[in-house]
């Protein structure tokens, strides 16, 4: 595994840059990607939100910080997941049943 570099990580955290393109060698017929945007109740992108990936039993699996455009991305297994966004603008949950390939979701946060 290659160590993250300053250019490939979000400021202040070891998570990869959430706005970066998908890796060139990614096989979307075999991989499951959950990607999306966190938005406020007014529809604006929420930068710096913490997005947690919870499994079907509600157990914490991973966490990333959204990009300046509110983007996030997880590489996961196919199945049922909950995405929980925590931000200064509010919190929000959404569920997704992810299959192989790219699964796009929006998480809306409210007070």
N, C-alpha and C. Protein backbone atom coordinates (compact mmCIF):
# COMPACT_ATOMS: atom_id res chain seq x y z
N UNK A 1 0.85 -1.17 0.00
CA UNK A 1 0.00 0.00 0.00
C UNK A 1 0.89 1.23 0.00
N UNK A 2 0.53 2.19 -0.79
CA UNK A 2 1.30 3.42 -0.88
C UNK A 2 0.81 4.41 0.17
N UNK A 3 1.72 5.07 0.84
CA UNK A 3 1.35 6.07 1.83
C UNK A 3 0.74 7.27 1.14
N UNK A 4 -0.31 7.88 1.74
CA UNK A 4 -0.90 9.06 1.15
C UNK A 4 0.10 10.20 1.09
N UNK A 5 0.00 11.00 0.06
CA UNK A 5 0.85 12.18 -0.07
C UNK A 5 0.01 13.42 0.16
N UNK A 6 0.67 14.53 0.37
CA UNK A 6 -0.05 15.78 0.60
C UNK A 6 -0.97 16.10 -0.56
N UNK A 7 -0.56 15.78 -1.77
CA UNK A 7 -1.37 16.08 -2.95
C UNK A 7 -2.59 15.18 -3.06
N UNK A 8 -2.54 13.99 -2.44
CA UNK A 8 -3.64 13.05 -2.59
C UNK A 8 -4.54 12.96 -1.38
N UNK A 9 -4.29 13.76 -0.34
CA UNK A 9 -5.10 13.69 0.85
C UNK A 9 -5.81 15.01 1.12
N UNK A 10 -6.94 14.91 1.78
CA UNK A 10 -7.67 16.11 2.18
C UNK A 10 -6.88 16.79 3.29
N UNK A 11 -6.95 18.10 3.33
CA UNK A 11 -6.21 18.86 4.34
C UNK A 11 -6.60 18.40 5.73
N UNK A 12 -5.58 18.04 6.54
CA UNK A 12 -5.82 17.70 7.93
C UNK A 12 -6.31 16.29 8.18
N UNK A 13 -6.39 15.47 7.17
CA UNK A 13 -6.83 14.10 7.41
C UNK A 13 -6.15 13.17 6.42
N UNK A 14 -6.08 11.90 6.75
CA UNK A 14 -5.37 10.95 5.90
C UNK A 14 -6.25 10.35 4.81
N UNK A 15 -7.49 10.78 4.70
CA UNK A 15 -8.38 10.27 3.66
C UNK A 15 -7.96 10.84 2.31
N UNK A 16 -8.07 10.04 1.25
CA UNK A 16 -7.77 10.56 -0.09
C UNK A 16 -8.66 11.74 -0.44
N UNK A 17 -8.20 12.58 -1.33
CA UNK A 17 -8.96 13.72 -1.81
C UNK A 17 -10.26 13.20 -2.42
N UNK A 18 -11.39 13.61 -1.86
CA UNK A 18 -12.69 13.11 -2.29
C UNK A 18 -13.12 13.61 -3.66
N UNK A 19 -12.45 14.65 -4.16
CA UNK A 19 -12.78 15.18 -5.48
C UNK A 19 -11.88 14.62 -6.58
N UNK A 20 -10.87 13.83 -6.20
CA UNK A 20 -9.94 13.28 -7.19
C UNK A 20 -10.65 12.27 -8.09
N UNK A 21 -10.18 12.14 -9.32
CA UNK A 21 -10.77 11.13 -10.22
C UNK A 21 -10.59 9.72 -9.64
N UNK A 22 -11.45 8.81 -10.06
CA UNK A 22 -11.30 7.41 -9.65
C UNK A 22 -9.98 6.87 -10.17
N UNK A 23 -9.36 5.94 -9.45
CA UNK A 23 -8.11 5.36 -9.93
C UNK A 23 -8.27 4.74 -11.32
N UNK A 24 -7.25 4.90 -12.16
CA UNK A 24 -7.31 4.45 -13.55
C UNK A 24 -7.56 2.95 -13.68
N UNK A 25 -7.00 2.14 -12.80
CA UNK A 25 -7.13 0.70 -12.90
C UNK A 25 -8.36 0.11 -12.23
N UNK A 26 -9.28 0.94 -11.78
CA UNK A 26 -10.46 0.46 -11.07
C UNK A 26 -11.37 -0.33 -12.00
N UNK A 27 -11.70 -1.57 -11.61
CA UNK A 27 -12.57 -2.44 -12.39
C UNK A 27 -13.99 -2.34 -11.83
N UNK A 28 -14.83 -1.53 -12.45
CA UNK A 28 -16.17 -1.29 -11.93
C UNK A 28 -17.11 -2.49 -12.08
N UNK A 29 -16.67 -3.52 -12.78
CA UNK A 29 -17.47 -4.75 -12.85
C UNK A 29 -17.23 -5.61 -11.62
N UNK A 30 -16.15 -5.32 -10.89
CA UNK A 30 -15.80 -6.10 -9.68
C UNK A 30 -15.84 -5.27 -8.41
N UNK A 31 -15.77 -3.96 -8.53
CA UNK A 31 -15.70 -3.07 -7.36
C UNK A 31 -17.03 -2.36 -7.12
N UNK A 32 -17.25 -1.97 -5.87
CA UNK A 32 -18.42 -1.20 -5.48
C UNK A 32 -17.95 0.14 -4.94
N UNK A 33 -18.42 1.21 -5.56
CA UNK A 33 -18.06 2.56 -5.14
C UNK A 33 -19.35 3.28 -4.75
N UNK A 34 -19.36 3.83 -3.54
CA UNK A 34 -20.47 4.66 -3.09
C UNK A 34 -19.95 6.08 -3.09
N UNK A 35 -20.54 6.92 -3.89
CA UNK A 35 -20.06 8.29 -4.04
C UNK A 35 -21.24 9.24 -4.04
N UNK A 36 -20.98 10.47 -3.69
CA UNK A 36 -22.07 11.43 -3.70
C UNK A 36 -21.68 12.77 -3.16
N UNK A 37 -22.71 13.53 -2.78
CA UNK A 37 -22.54 14.90 -2.30
C UNK A 37 -23.40 15.08 -1.06
N UNK A 38 -22.86 15.85 -0.11
CA UNK A 38 -23.65 16.28 1.04
C UNK A 38 -24.18 17.66 0.72
N UNK A 39 -25.50 17.84 0.91
CA UNK A 39 -26.15 19.12 0.61
C UNK A 39 -26.94 19.60 1.83
N UNK A 40 -27.03 20.91 1.95
CA UNK A 40 -27.86 21.52 2.99
C UNK A 40 -29.32 21.40 2.58
N UNK A 41 -30.22 21.74 3.48
CA UNK A 41 -31.64 21.73 3.17
C UNK A 41 -32.00 22.69 2.05
N UNK A 42 -31.13 23.69 1.81
CA UNK A 42 -31.34 24.66 0.73
C UNK A 42 -30.71 24.19 -0.58
N UNK A 43 -30.06 23.01 -0.56
CA UNK A 43 -29.48 22.46 -1.77
C UNK A 43 -28.03 22.83 -2.03
N UNK A 44 -27.40 23.56 -1.10
CA UNK A 44 -26.01 23.95 -1.28
C UNK A 44 -25.07 22.83 -0.82
N UNK A 45 -23.94 22.68 -1.52
CA UNK A 45 -22.94 21.69 -1.14
C UNK A 45 -22.37 22.04 0.22
N UNK A 46 -22.10 21.01 1.03
CA UNK A 46 -21.56 21.20 2.38
C UNK A 46 -20.13 20.68 2.41
N UNK A 47 -19.19 21.60 2.46
CA UNK A 47 -17.76 21.25 2.55
C UNK A 47 -17.41 20.93 3.99
N UNK A 48 -16.45 20.03 4.18
CA UNK A 48 -15.94 19.73 5.51
C UNK A 48 -16.87 18.92 6.39
N UNK A 49 -17.91 18.32 5.83
CA UNK A 49 -18.79 17.45 6.61
C UNK A 49 -18.11 16.10 6.80
N UNK A 50 -18.36 15.47 7.92
CA UNK A 50 -17.87 14.12 8.18
C UNK A 50 -18.96 13.16 7.71
N UNK A 51 -18.60 12.25 6.81
CA UNK A 51 -19.55 11.27 6.31
C UNK A 51 -19.11 9.90 6.82
N UNK A 52 -20.01 9.25 7.53
CA UNK A 52 -19.73 7.93 8.08
C UNK A 52 -20.46 6.87 7.28
N UNK A 53 -19.78 5.76 7.07
CA UNK A 53 -20.36 4.61 6.40
C UNK A 53 -20.68 3.58 7.47
N UNK A 54 -21.96 3.23 7.59
CA UNK A 54 -22.42 2.27 8.58
C UNK A 54 -22.96 1.04 7.86
N UNK A 55 -22.63 -0.15 8.38
CA UNK A 55 -23.11 -1.37 7.74
C UNK A 55 -24.58 -1.61 8.06
N UNK A 56 -25.12 -2.74 7.59
CA UNK A 56 -26.56 -3.02 7.73
C UNK A 56 -27.00 -3.19 9.17
N UNK A 57 -26.05 -3.39 10.11
CA UNK A 57 -26.40 -3.49 11.53
C UNK A 57 -26.18 -2.17 12.26
N UNK A 58 -25.74 -1.14 11.53
CA UNK A 58 -25.49 0.16 12.14
C UNK A 58 -24.09 0.34 12.68
N UNK A 59 -23.22 -0.64 12.44
CA UNK A 59 -21.83 -0.56 12.92
C UNK A 59 -21.02 0.38 12.04
N UNK A 60 -20.21 1.21 12.68
CA UNK A 60 -19.30 2.12 11.99
C UNK A 60 -18.29 1.32 11.18
N UNK A 61 -18.09 1.73 9.92
CA UNK A 61 -17.14 1.06 9.04
C UNK A 61 -16.03 1.99 8.59
N UNK A 62 -16.38 3.23 8.22
CA UNK A 62 -15.38 4.18 7.72
C UNK A 62 -15.92 5.59 7.82
N UNK A 63 -15.01 6.56 7.68
CA UNK A 63 -15.39 7.97 7.70
C UNK A 63 -14.46 8.76 6.80
N UNK A 64 -15.03 9.72 6.07
CA UNK A 64 -14.25 10.65 5.25
C UNK A 64 -14.79 12.06 5.47
N UNK A 65 -14.00 13.04 5.07
CA UNK A 65 -14.40 14.44 5.12
C UNK A 65 -14.71 14.89 3.69
N UNK A 66 -15.82 15.59 3.51
CA UNK A 66 -16.20 16.02 2.17
C UNK A 66 -15.24 17.07 1.62
N UNK A 67 -15.14 17.09 0.31
CA UNK A 67 -14.32 18.05 -0.43
C UNK A 67 -14.96 19.44 -0.34
N UNK A 68 -14.30 20.47 -0.86
CA UNK A 68 -14.92 21.81 -0.90
C UNK A 68 -16.25 21.82 -1.65
N UNK A 69 -16.45 20.88 -2.57
CA UNK A 69 -17.70 20.79 -3.32
C UNK A 69 -18.70 19.82 -2.66
N UNK A 70 -18.40 19.37 -1.43
CA UNK A 70 -19.31 18.49 -0.70
C UNK A 70 -19.24 17.03 -1.12
N UNK A 71 -18.24 16.65 -1.90
CA UNK A 71 -18.14 15.28 -2.43
C UNK A 71 -17.53 14.32 -1.42
N UNK A 72 -17.97 13.06 -1.50
CA UNK A 72 -17.38 11.98 -0.71
C UNK A 72 -17.36 10.71 -1.54
N UNK A 73 -16.56 9.73 -1.09
CA UNK A 73 -16.45 8.46 -1.81
C UNK A 73 -16.00 7.37 -0.85
N UNK A 74 -16.64 6.20 -0.99
CA UNK A 74 -16.23 5.01 -0.25
C UNK A 74 -16.10 3.84 -1.22
N UNK A 75 -15.13 2.98 -0.98
CA UNK A 75 -15.01 1.71 -1.68
C UNK A 75 -15.52 0.67 -0.69
N UNK A 76 -16.58 -0.03 -1.06
CA UNK A 76 -17.27 -0.91 -0.12
C UNK A 76 -17.64 -2.22 -0.79
N UNK A 77 -18.25 -3.09 -0.03
CA UNK A 77 -18.80 -4.33 -0.57
C UNK A 77 -20.24 -4.07 -1.01
N UNK A 78 -20.75 -4.85 -1.94
CA UNK A 78 -22.16 -4.71 -2.29
C UNK A 78 -23.03 -4.98 -1.06
N UNK A 79 -24.16 -4.30 -0.98
CA UNK A 79 -25.08 -4.54 0.13
C UNK A 79 -25.74 -3.27 0.61
N UNK A 80 -26.41 -3.39 1.76
CA UNK A 80 -27.14 -2.27 2.35
C UNK A 80 -26.22 -1.48 3.27
N UNK A 81 -26.21 -0.16 3.08
CA UNK A 81 -25.35 0.75 3.84
C UNK A 81 -26.15 1.97 4.26
N UNK A 82 -25.74 2.58 5.37
CA UNK A 82 -26.27 3.87 5.78
C UNK A 82 -25.13 4.87 5.72
N UNK A 83 -25.40 6.04 5.16
CA UNK A 83 -24.45 7.14 5.13
C UNK A 83 -24.96 8.19 6.10
N UNK A 84 -24.11 8.57 7.05
CA UNK A 84 -24.48 9.57 8.05
C UNK A 84 -23.54 10.76 7.92
N UNK A 85 -24.10 11.93 7.62
CA UNK A 85 -23.30 13.15 7.48
C UNK A 85 -23.48 14.01 8.73
N UNK A 86 -22.35 14.49 9.25
CA UNK A 86 -22.34 15.35 10.42
C UNK A 86 -21.63 16.64 10.03
N UNK A 87 -22.29 17.77 10.25
CA UNK A 87 -21.69 19.05 9.86
C UNK A 87 -22.20 20.16 10.75
N UNK A 88 -21.60 21.34 10.60
CA UNK A 88 -22.06 22.52 11.35
C UNK A 88 -23.43 22.96 10.89
N UNK A 89 -23.82 22.58 9.68
CA UNK A 89 -25.12 22.97 9.13
C UNK A 89 -26.22 21.98 9.50
N UNK A 90 -25.84 20.90 10.16
CA UNK A 90 -26.82 19.90 10.56
C UNK A 90 -26.33 18.50 10.26
N UNK A 91 -27.20 17.55 10.49
CA UNK A 91 -26.87 16.15 10.28
C UNK A 91 -27.92 15.52 9.39
N UNK A 92 -27.56 14.39 8.78
CA UNK A 92 -28.52 13.69 7.94
C UNK A 92 -28.07 12.27 7.65
N UNK A 93 -29.03 11.41 7.41
CA UNK A 93 -28.78 10.01 7.07
C UNK A 93 -29.48 9.69 5.76
N UNK A 94 -28.90 8.76 5.02
CA UNK A 94 -29.58 8.18 3.88
C UNK A 94 -29.09 6.74 3.75
N UNK A 95 -29.91 5.89 3.19
CA UNK A 95 -29.53 4.50 2.99
C UNK A 95 -29.37 4.23 1.50
N UNK A 96 -28.55 3.24 1.21
CA UNK A 96 -28.32 2.85 -0.17
C UNK A 96 -28.12 1.34 -0.21
N UNK A 97 -28.68 0.70 -1.20
CA UNK A 97 -28.37 -0.69 -1.48
C UNK A 97 -27.43 -0.66 -2.66
N UNK A 98 -26.15 -0.84 -2.35
CA UNK A 98 -25.10 -0.67 -3.35
C UNK A 98 -24.82 -1.97 -4.09
N UNK A 99 -24.69 -1.85 -5.39
CA UNK A 99 -24.27 -2.97 -6.22
C UNK A 99 -22.91 -2.67 -6.82
N UNK A 100 -22.38 -3.57 -7.57
CA UNK A 100 -21.10 -3.34 -8.21
C UNK A 100 -21.20 -2.11 -9.13
N UNK A 101 -20.09 -1.39 -9.27
CA UNK A 101 -20.08 -0.18 -10.08
C UNK A 101 -20.20 1.04 -9.20
N UNK A 102 -20.58 2.15 -9.81
CA UNK A 102 -20.71 3.42 -9.10
C UNK A 102 -22.14 3.59 -8.62
N UNK A 103 -22.29 3.87 -7.34
CA UNK A 103 -23.59 4.10 -6.71
C UNK A 103 -23.61 5.53 -6.20
N UNK A 104 -24.39 6.39 -6.84
CA UNK A 104 -24.42 7.81 -6.48
C UNK A 104 -25.57 8.11 -5.54
N UNK A 105 -25.26 8.88 -4.48
CA UNK A 105 -26.26 9.26 -3.49
C UNK A 105 -26.07 10.71 -3.08
N UNK A 106 -27.12 11.29 -2.55
CA UNK A 106 -27.05 12.62 -1.95
C UNK A 106 -27.50 12.48 -0.51
N UNK A 107 -26.74 13.08 0.40
CA UNK A 107 -27.12 13.12 1.81
C UNK A 107 -27.48 14.56 2.12
N UNK A 108 -28.70 14.78 2.59
CA UNK A 108 -29.15 16.12 2.94
C UNK A 108 -29.06 16.29 4.45
N UNK A 109 -28.44 17.40 4.87
CA UNK A 109 -28.31 17.67 6.30
C UNK A 109 -29.26 18.80 6.67
N UNK A 110 -29.86 18.68 7.84
CA UNK A 110 -30.76 19.71 8.37
C UNK A 110 -30.46 19.91 9.84
N UNK A 111 -30.92 21.05 10.38
CA UNK A 111 -30.71 21.34 11.79
C UNK A 111 -31.37 20.33 12.69
